[in-house]
Each structure stands twice: as C-alpha cells, then as structure tokens.
Amino acid sequence: MFKLFKVSGVSMLPSFKPEQILLTKMTKNINEGDAVVLKTKDGEKILKRVLEFRNSKLRIISDNSDYNSKFNNSWFDIKNLIGKVIF
C-alpha cells in the first residue's frame, strides 16, 4: 500500500525539506540507510533514517546532525513502520 506524507520540520535536512511531499510504500524489506515513516507511541508520524535493523527492530536517526531529535538512536518495532520512502 502506498501513502503520501508532507515533511514538517528540519530534522532530515538536507535530504528532505519542509513541505516536501513523500511517497511511501508499506514493506518489510527494510535496509540500513533507508528513510522511513514511523508511528510513535503518541501516534505522531516521524520521518527518520534507519541506522540499524535487527530482530524486527529499527534503530533510527535524523539526517540533520545539527538537530537533536528525542528519537535519535531510539529503537522501534517493525509494527510501528508506516512505510519506506520510495520517492
């Protein structure tokens, strides 16, 4: 299944800019380095980069090293994956 998302914030600069539209695809074929949209415990949708993927868990990070996201280096279960960015 495909979904569209609009980027908000600067945590993924320079790769993704605010207001940019992204196309995601729901897949379990995830690799380190992929950009993904995840759902947090609070239901918030976040765009992050996969730093590590093992045992059905994703460790994520922001692309923007100047942005200190509270989610950097956090682990998310694969069930929280909304989609992998494909365009």
PDB file of N, CA and C in Angstrom:
ATOM      1  N   MET A   1       0.841  -1.178   0.000  1.00  0.00           N
ATOM      2  CA  MET A   1       0.000   0.000   0.000  1.00  0.00           C
ATOM      3  C   MET A   1       0.886   1.242   0.000  1.00  0.00           C
ATOM      4  N   PHE A   2       0.499   2.241  -0.771  1.00  0.00           N
ATOM      5  CA  PHE A   2       1.240   3.492  -0.894  1.00  0.00           C
ATOM      6  C   PHE A   2       0.528   4.597  -0.119  1.00  0.00           C
ATOM      7  N   LYS A   3       1.333   5.518   0.452  1.00  0.00           N
ATOM      8  CA  LYS A   3       0.781   6.675   1.153  1.00  0.00           C
ATOM      9  C   LYS A   3       1.651   7.882   0.868  1.00  0.00           C
ATOM     10  N   LEU A   4       1.023   9.063   0.891  1.00  0.00           N
ATOM     11  CA  LEU A   4       1.730  10.331   0.737  1.00  0.00           C
ATOM     12  C   LEU A   4       1.870  11.013   2.094  1.00  0.00           C
ATOM     13  N   PHE A   5       3.008  11.646   2.302  1.00  0.00           N
ATOM     14  CA  PHE A   5       3.251  12.402   3.528  1.00  0.00           C
ATOM     15  C   PHE A   5       3.933  13.710   3.173  1.00  0.00           C
ATOM     16  N   LYS A   6       3.657  14.746   3.973  1.00  0.00           N
ATOM     17  CA  LYS A   6       4.323  16.035   3.815  1.00  0.00           C
ATOM     18  C   LYS A   6       5.330  16.191   4.947  1.00  0.00           C
ATOM     19  N   VAL A   7       6.554  16.530   4.578  1.00  0.00           N
ATOM     20  CA  VAL A   7       7.624  16.723   5.554  1.00  0.00           C
ATOM     21  C   VAL A   7       7.353  17.994   6.351  1.00  0.00           C
ATOM     22  N   SER A   8       7.508  17.880   7.663  1.00  0.00           N
ATOM     23  CA  SER A   8       7.457  19.067   8.518  1.00  0.00           C
ATOM     24  C   SER A   8       8.705  19.037   9.394  1.00  0.00           C
ATOM     25  N   GLY A   9       9.279  20.186   9.617  1.00  0.00           N
ATOM     26  CA  GLY A   9      10.479  20.244  10.437  1.00  0.00           C
ATOM     27  C   GLY A   9      11.748  20.093   9.615  1.00  0.00           C
ATOM     28  N   VAL A  10      12.877  20.222  10.319  1.00  0.00           N
ATOM     29  CA  VAL A  10      14.184  20.248   9.659  1.00  0.00           C
ATOM     30  C   VAL A  10      15.099  19.101  10.068  1.00  0.00           C
ATOM     31  N   SER A  11      14.577  18.124  10.757  1.00  0.00           N
ATOM     32  CA  SER A  11      15.428  17.048  11.270  1.00  0.00           C
ATOM     33  C   SER A  11      16.049  16.184  10.182  1.00  0.00           C
ATOM     34  N   MET A  12      15.489  16.219   8.969  1.00  0.00           N
ATOM     35  CA  MET A  12      16.012  15.368   7.893  1.00  0.00           C
ATOM     36  C   MET A  12      16.697  16.166   6.783  1.00  0.00           C
ATOM     37  N   LEU A  13      16.991  17.457   7.048  1.00  0.00           N
ATOM     38  CA  LEU A  13      17.784  18.238   6.094  1.00  0.00           C
ATOM     39  C   LEU A  13      19.189  17.650   5.997  1.00  0.00           C
ATOM     40  N   PRO A  14      19.844  17.659   4.890  1.00  0.00           N
ATOM     41  CA  PRO A  14      19.448  18.255   3.618  1.00  0.00           C
ATOM     42  C   PRO A  14      18.676  17.284   2.709  1.00  0.00           C
ATOM     43  N   SER A  15      18.483  16.056   3.147  1.00  0.00           N
ATOM     44  CA  SER A  15      17.838  15.041   2.300  1.00  0.00           C
ATOM     45  C   SER A  15      16.381  15.358   2.010  1.00  0.00           C
ATOM     46  N   PHE A  16      15.662  15.822   3.032  1.00  0.00           N
ATOM     47  CA  PHE A  16      14.228  16.107   2.899  1.00  0.00           C
ATOM     48  C   PHE A  16      13.951  17.481   3.485  1.00  0.00           C
ATOM     49  N   LYS A  17      13.259  18.295   2.712  1.00  0.00           N
ATOM     50  CA  LYS A  17      12.992  19.674   3.116  1.00  0.00           C
ATOM     51  C   LYS A  17      11.546  19.832   3.588  1.00  0.00           C
ATOM     52  N   PRO A  18      11.291  20.808   4.500  1.00  0.00           N
ATOM     53  CA  PRO A  18       9.927  21.059   4.946  1.00  0.00           C
ATOM     54  C   PRO A  18       9.000  21.312   3.758  1.00  0.00           C
ATOM     55  N   GLU A  19       7.796  20.782   3.848  1.00  0.00           N
ATOM     56  CA  GLU A  19       6.744  20.901   2.838  1.00  0.00           C
ATOM     57  C   GLU A  19       6.925  19.955   1.650  1.00  0.00           C
ATOM     58  N   GLN A  20       8.027  19.224   1.600  1.00  0.00           N
ATOM     59  CA  GLN A  20       8.243  18.263   0.519  1.00  0.00           C
ATOM     60  C   GLN A  20       7.246  17.112   0.667  1.00  0.00           C
ATOM     61  N   ILE A  21       6.724  16.623  -0.453  1.00  0.00           N
ATOM     62  CA  ILE A  21       5.790  15.504  -0.446  1.00  0.00           C
ATOM     63  C   ILE A  21       6.572  14.216  -0.702  1.00  0.00           C
ATOM     64  N   LEU A  22       6.323  13.212   0.119  1.00  0.00           N
ATOM     65  CA  LEU A  22       6.990  11.916   0.001  1.00  0.00           C
ATOM     66  C   LEU A  22       5.988  10.819  -0.316  1.00  0.00           C
ATOM     67  N   LEU A  23       6.413   9.876  -1.123  1.00  0.00           N
ATOM     68  CA  LEU A  23       5.627   8.684  -1.392  1.00  0.00           C
ATOM     69  C   LEU A  23       6.273   7.532  -0.629  1.00  0.00           C
ATOM     70  N   THR A  24       5.469   6.844   0.170  1.00  0.00           N
ATOM     71  CA  THR A  24       5.976   5.699   0.929  1.00  0.00           C
ATOM     72  C   THR A  24       5.255   4.431   0.511  1.00  0.00           C
ATOM     73  N   LYS A  25       5.915   3.329   0.746  1.00  0.00           N
ATOM     74  CA  LYS A  25       5.347   2.023   0.448  1.00  0.00           C
ATOM     75  C   LYS A  25       5.480   1.152   1.687  1.00  0.00           C
ATOM     76  N   MET A  26       4.380   0.500   2.065  1.00  0.00           N
ATOM     77  CA  MET A  26       4.425  -0.420   3.189  1.00  0.00           C
ATOM     78  C   MET A  26       5.159  -1.677   2.732  1.00  0.00           C
ATOM     79  N   THR A  27       6.252  -1.996   3.400  1.00  0.00           N
ATOM     80  CA  THR A  27       7.060  -3.158   3.078  1.00  0.00           C
ATOM     81  C   THR A  27       7.830  -3.592   4.311  1.00  0.00           C
ATOM     82  N   LYS A  28       8.174  -4.845   4.362  1.00  0.00           N
ATOM     83  CA  LYS A  28       9.030  -5.348   5.443  1.00  0.00           C
ATOM     84  C   LYS A  28      10.473  -5.457   4.941  1.00  0.00           C
ATOM     85  N   ASN A  29      10.689  -5.092   3.670  1.00  0.00           N
ATOM     86  CA  ASN A  29      12.013  -5.118   3.073  1.00  0.00           C
ATOM     87  C   ASN A  29      12.742  -3.818   3.414  1.00  0.00           C
ATOM     88  N   ILE A  30      13.291  -3.754   4.607  1.00  0.00           N
ATOM     89  CA  ILE A  30      13.943  -2.557   5.116  1.00  0.00           C
ATOM     90  C   ILE A  30      15.436  -2.825   5.250  1.00  0.00           C
ATOM     91  N   ASN A  31      16.221  -1.837   4.870  1.00  0.00           N
ATOM     92  CA  ASN A  31      17.674  -1.937   4.977  1.00  0.00           C
ATOM     93  C   ASN A  31      18.226  -0.738   5.733  1.00  0.00           C
ATOM     94  N   GLU A  32      19.403  -0.915   6.303  1.00  0.00           N
ATOM     95  CA  GLU A  32      20.073   0.209   6.939  1.00  0.00           C
ATOM     96  C   GLU A  32      20.286   1.289   5.892  1.00  0.00           C
ATOM     97  N   GLY A  33      20.019   2.526   6.262  1.00  0.00           N
ATOM     98  CA  GLY A  33      20.147   3.653   5.354  1.00  0.00           C
ATOM     99  C   GLY A  33      18.844   4.083   4.702  1.00  0.00           C
ATOM    100  N   ASP A  34      17.807   3.248   4.796  1.00  0.00           N
ATOM    101  CA  ASP A  34      16.507   3.617   4.233  1.00  0.00           C
ATOM    102  C   ASP A  34      15.872   4.745   5.041  1.00  0.00           C
ATOM    103  N   ALA A  35      15.143   5.616   4.358  1.00  0.00           N
ATOM    104  CA  ALA A  35      14.313   6.621   5.028  1.00  0.00           C
ATOM    105  C   ALA A  35      12.935   5.993   5.228  1.00  0.00           C
ATOM    106  N   VAL A  36      12.398   6.149   6.439  1.00  0.00           N
ATOM    107  CA  VAL A  36      11.119   5.524   6.771  1.00  0.00           C
ATOM    108  C   VAL A  36      10.238   6.487   7.546  1.00  0.00           C
ATOM    109  N   VAL A  37       8.925   6.245   7.472  1.00  0.00           N
ATOM    110  CA  VAL A  37       7.953   6.956   8.300  1.00  0.00           C
ATOM    111  C   VAL A  37       7.463   5.953   9.339  1.00  0.00           C
ATOM    112  N   LEU A  38       7.528   6.375  10.597  1.00  0.00           N
ATOM    113  CA  LEU A  38       7.134   5.530  11.724  1.00  0.00           C
ATOM    114  C   LEU A  38       6.067   6.218  12.555  1.00  0.00           C
ATOM    115  N   LYS A  39       5.319   5.421  13.297  1.00  0.00           N
ATOM    116  CA  LYS A  39       4.351   5.962  14.246  1.00  0.00           C
ATOM    117  C   LYS A  39       4.918   5.787  15.651  1.00  0.00           C
ATOM    118  N   THR A  40       4.929   6.880  16.419  1.00  0.00           N
ATOM    119  CA  THR A  40       5.423   6.838  17.795  1.00  0.00           C
ATOM    120  C   THR A  40       4.331   6.320  18.732  1.00  0.00           C
ATOM    121  N   LYS A  41       4.699   6.135  19.984  1.00  0.00           N
ATOM    122  CA  LYS A  41       3.719   5.701  20.993  1.00  0.00           C
ATOM    123  C   LYS A  41       2.569   6.686  21.126  1.00  0.00           C
ATOM    124  N   ASP A  42       2.851   7.962  20.873  1.00  0.00           N
ATOM    125  CA  ASP A  42       1.831   9.010  20.990  1.00  0.00           C
ATOM    126  C   ASP A  42       1.020   9.185  19.702  1.00  0.00           C
ATOM    127  N   GLY A  43       1.290   8.343  18.693  1.00  0.00           N
ATOM    128  CA  GLY A  43       0.563   8.434  17.441  1.00  0.00           C
ATOM    129  C   GLY A  43       1.134   9.441  16.461  1.00  0.00           C
ATOM    130  N   GLU A  44       2.237  10.071  16.842  1.00  0.00           N
ATOM    131  CA  GLU A  44       2.903  11.032  15.967  1.00  0.00           C
ATOM    132  C   GLU A  44       3.590  10.279  14.828  1.00  0.00           C
ATOM    133  N   LYS A  45       3.594  10.865  13.636  1.00  0.00           N
ATOM    134  CA  LYS A  45       4.294  10.266  12.496  1.00  0.00           C
ATOM    135  C   LYS A  45       5.624  10.989  12.325  1.00  0.00           C
ATOM    136  N   ILE A  46       6.707  10.203  12.249  1.00  0.00           N
ATOM    137  CA  ILE A  46       8.035  10.796  12.131  1.00  0.00           C
ATOM    138  C   ILE A  46       8.775  10.190  10.934  1.00  0.00           C
ATOM    139  N   LEU A  47       9.594  11.021  10.316  1.00  0.00           N
ATOM    140  CA  LEU A  47      10.452  10.613   9.213  1.00  0.00           C
ATOM    141  C   LEU A  47      11.867  10.515   9.748  1.00  0.00           C
ATOM    142  N   LYS A  48      12.480   9.353   9.594  1.00  0.00           N
ATOM    143  CA  LYS A  48      13.840   9.148  10.084  1.00  0.00           C
ATOM    144  C   LYS A  48      14.595   8.196   9.174  1.00  0.00           C
ATOM    145  N   ARG A  49      15.884   8.074   9.412  1.00  0.00           N
ATOM    146  CA  ARG A  49      16.773   7.188   8.664  1.00  0.00           C
ATOM    147  C   ARG A  49      17.030   5.940   9.516  1.00  0.00           C
ATOM    148  N   VAL A  50      17.033   4.775   8.874  1.00  0.00           N
ATOM    149  CA  VAL A  50      17.316   3.523   9.588  1.00  0.00           C
ATOM    150  C   VAL A  50      18.825   3.421   9.784  1.00  0.00           C
ATOM    151  N   LEU A  51      19.234   3.394  11.037  1.00  0.00           N
ATOM    152  CA  LEU A  51      20.637   3.268  11.392  1.00  0.00           C
ATOM    153  C   LEU A  51      21.018   1.792  11.518  1.00  0.00           C
ATOM    154  N   GLU A  52      20.062   1.022  12.039  1.00  0.00           N
ATOM    155  CA  GLU A  52      20.292  -0.410  12.260  1.00  0.00           C
ATOM    156  C   GLU A  52      18.950  -1.132  12.201  1.00  0.00           C
ATOM    157  N   PHE A  53      18.950  -2.354  11.691  1.00  0.00           N
ATOM    158  CA  PHE A  53      17.735  -3.153  11.611  1.00  0.00           C
ATOM    159  C   PHE A  53      18.078  -4.586  11.964  1.00  0.00           C
ATOM    160  N   ARG A  54      17.503  -5.053  13.092  1.00  0.00           N
ATOM    161  CA  ARG A  54      17.716  -6.445  13.505  1.00  0.00           C
ATOM    162  C   ARG A  54      16.613  -6.890  14.443  1.00  0.00           C
ATOM    163  N   ASN A  55      16.317  -8.179  14.364  1.00  0.00           N
ATOM    164  CA  ASN A  55      15.291  -8.775  15.235  1.00  0.00           C
ATOM    165  C   ASN A  55      13.975  -8.009  15.198  1.00  0.00           C
ATOM    166  N   SER A  56      13.554  -7.606  14.012  1.00  0.00           N
ATOM    167  CA  SER A  56      12.293  -6.862  13.818  1.00  0.00           C
ATOM    168  C   SER A  56      12.265  -5.528  14.551  1.00  0.00           C
ATOM    169  N   LYS A  57      13.428  -4.969  14.788  1.00  0.00           N
ATOM    170  CA  LYS A  57      13.540  -3.661  15.443  1.00  0.00           C
ATOM    171  C   LYS A  57      14.371  -2.734  14.575  1.00  0.00           C
ATOM    172  N   LEU A  58      13.962  -1.463  14.542  1.00  0.00           N
ATOM    173  CA  LEU A  58      14.654  -0.426  13.786  1.00  0.00           C
ATOM    174  C   LEU A  58      15.256   0.585  14.750  1.00  0.00           C
ATOM    175  N   ARG A  59      16.547   0.884  14.590  1.00  0.00           N
ATOM    176  CA  ARG A  59      17.162   1.985  15.332  1.00  0.00           C
ATOM    177  C   ARG A  59      17.289   3.129  14.343  1.00  0.00           C
ATOM    178  N   ILE A  60      16.823   4.308  14.733  1.00  0.00           N
ATOM    179  CA  ILE A  60      16.691   5.416  13.788  1.00  0.00           C
ATOM    180  C   ILE A  60      17.530   6.624  14.189  1.00  0.00           C
ATOM    181  N   ILE A  61      17.714   7.500  13.203  1.00  0.00           N
ATOM    182  CA  ILE A  61      18.474   8.728  13.425  1.00  0.00           C
ATOM    183  C   ILE A  61      17.989   9.788  12.437  1.00  0.00           C
ATOM    184  N   SER A  62      18.250  11.040  12.765  1.00  0.00           N
ATOM    185  CA  SER A  62      17.958  12.155  11.855  1.00  0.00           C
ATOM    186  C   SER A  62      19.134  12.348  10.910  1.00  0.00           C
ATOM    187  N   ASP A  63      18.871  12.877   9.718  1.00  0.00           N
ATOM    188  CA  ASP A  63      19.956  13.207   8.793  1.00  0.00           C
ATOM    189  C   ASP A  63      20.668  14.487   9.209  1.00  0.00           C
ATOM    190  N   ASN A  64      19.941  15.422   9.803  1.00  0.00           N
ATOM    191  CA  ASN A  64      20.473  16.727  10.182  1.00  0.00           C
ATOM    192  C   ASN A  64      21.224  16.607  11.509  1.00  0.00           C
ATOM    193  N   SER A  65      22.549  16.630  11.436  1.00  0.00           N
ATOM    194  CA  SER A  65      23.364  16.457  12.653  1.00  0.00           C
ATOM    195  C   SER A  65      23.238  17.644  13.609  1.00  0.00           C
ATOM    196  N   ASP A  66      22.726  18.781  13.122  1.00  0.00           N
ATOM    197  CA  ASP A  66      22.527  19.954  13.983  1.00  0.00           C
ATOM    198  C   ASP A  66      21.200  19.899  14.738  1.00  0.00           C
ATOM    199  N   TYR A  67      20.377  18.885  14.443  1.00  0.00           N
ATOM    200  CA  TYR A  67      19.061  18.765  15.060  1.00  0.00           C
ATOM    201  C   TYR A  67      19.094  17.611  16.058  1.00  0.00           C
ATOM    202  N   ASN A  68      18.801  17.903  17.313  1.00  0.00           N
ATOM    203  CA  ASN A  68      18.844  16.886  18.356  1.00  0.00           C
ATOM    204  C   ASN A  68      17.441  16.339  18.602  1.00  0.00           C
ATOM    205  N   SER A  69      17.048  15.366  17.821  1.00  0.00           N
ATOM    206  CA  SER A  69      15.728  14.754  17.964  1.00  0.00           C
ATOM    207  C   SER A  69      15.698  13.822  19.162  1.00  0.00           C
ATOM    208  N   LYS A  70      14.596  13.841  19.889  1.00  0.00           N
ATOM    209  CA  LYS A  70      14.451  12.930  21.025  1.00  0.00           C
ATOM    210  C   LYS A  70      14.364  11.476  20.563  1.00  0.00           C
ATOM    211  N   PHE A  71      14.159  11.264  19.272  1.00  0.00           N
ATOM    212  CA  PHE A  71      14.046   9.907  18.734  1.00  0.00           C
ATOM    213  C   PHE A  71      15.374   9.358  18.216  1.00  0.00           C
ATOM    214  N   ASN A  72      16.419  10.202  18.136  1.00  0.00           N
ATOM    215  CA  ASN A  72      17.712   9.719  17.656  1.00  0.00           C
ATOM    216  C   ASN A  72      18.199   8.544  18.496  1.00  0.00           C
ATOM    217  N   ASN A  73      18.622   7.501  17.819  1.00  0.00           N
ATOM    218  CA  ASN A  73      19.130   6.268  18.426  1.00  0.00           C
ATOM    219  C   ASN A  73      18.066   5.475  19.169  1.00  0.00           C
ATOM    220  N   SER A  74      16.806   5.807  18.961  1.00  0.00           N
ATOM    221  CA  SER A  74      15.705   5.042  19.569  1.00  0.00           C
ATOM    222  C   SER A  74      15.434   3.801  18.738  1.00  0.00           C
ATOM    223  N   TRP A  75      14.898   2.777  19.402  1.00  0.00           N
ATOM    224  CA  TRP A  75      14.501   1.538  18.743  1.00  0.00           C
ATOM    225  C   TRP A  75      12.985   1.522  18.593  1.00  0.00           C
ATOM    226  N   PHE A  76      12.526   1.122  17.409  1.00  0.00           N
ATOM    227  CA  PHE A  76      11.097   0.984  17.122  1.00  0.00           C
ATOM    228  C   PHE A  76      10.840  -0.420  16.606  1.00  0.00           C
ATOM    229  N   ASP A  77       9.732  -0.985  17.002  1.00  0.00           N
ATOM    230  CA  ASP A  77       9.308  -2.279  16.489  1.00  0.00           C
ATOM    231  C   ASP A  77       8.841  -2.111  15.046  1.00  0.00           C
ATOM    232  N   ILE A  78       9.046  -3.118  14.239  1.00  0.00           N
ATOM    233  CA  ILE A  78       8.640  -3.073  12.835  1.00  0.00           C
ATOM    234  C   ILE A  78       7.137  -2.814  12.685  1.00  0.00           C
ATOM    235  N   LYS A  79       6.358  -3.165  13.704  1.00  0.00           N
ATOM    236  CA  LYS A  79       4.911  -2.928  13.636  1.00  0.00           C
ATOM    237  C   LYS A  79       4.579  -1.430  13.642  1.00  0.00           C
ATOM    238  N   ASN A  80       5.535  -0.574  14.026  1.00  0.00           N
ATOM    239  CA  ASN A  80       5.340   0.871  14.016  1.00  0.00           C
ATOM    240  C   ASN A  80       5.688   1.506  12.670  1.00  0.00           C
ATOM    241  N   LEU A  81       6.152   0.687  11.734  1.00  0.00           N
ATOM    242  CA  LEU A  81       6.508   1.184  10.419  1.00  0.00           C
ATOM    243  C   LEU A  81       5.248   1.509   9.613  1.00  0.00           C
ATOM    244  N   ILE A  82       5.176   2.719   9.115  1.00  0.00           N
ATOM    245  CA  ILE A  82       4.083   3.126   8.239  1.00  0.00           C
ATOM    246  C   ILE A  82       4.489   2.893   6.787  1.00  0.00           C
ATOM    247  N   GLY A  83       5.743   3.202   6.478  1.00  0.00           N
ATOM    248  CA  GLY A  83       6.206   2.974   5.117  1.00  0.00           C
ATOM    249  C   GLY A  83       7.646   3.390   4.910  1.00  0.00           C
ATOM    250  N   LYS A  84       8.218   2.848   3.862  1.00  0.00           N
ATOM    251  CA  LYS A  84       9.567   3.179   3.413  1.00  0.00           C
ATOM    252  C   LYS A  84       9.441   4.240   2.324  1.00  0.00           C
ATOM    253  N   VAL A  85      10.248   5.292   2.408  1.00  0.00           N
ATOM    254  CA  VAL A  85      10.201   6.349   1.412  1.00  0.00           C
ATOM    255  C   VAL A  85      10.760   5.813   0.093  1.00  0.00           C
ATOM    256  N   ILE A  86       9.942   5.934  -0.973  1.00  0.00           N
ATOM    257  CA  ILE A  86      10.412   5.475  -2.275  1.00  0.00           C
ATOM    258  C   ILE A  86      10.539   6.614  -3.279  1.00  0.00           C
ATOM    259  N   PHE A  87       9.964   7.779  -2.967  1.00  0.00           N
ATOM    260  CA  PHE A  87      10.087   8.935  -3.849  1.00  0.00           C
ATOM    261  C   PHE A  87       9.774  10.199  -3.090  1.00  0.00           C
TER     262      PHE A  87
END
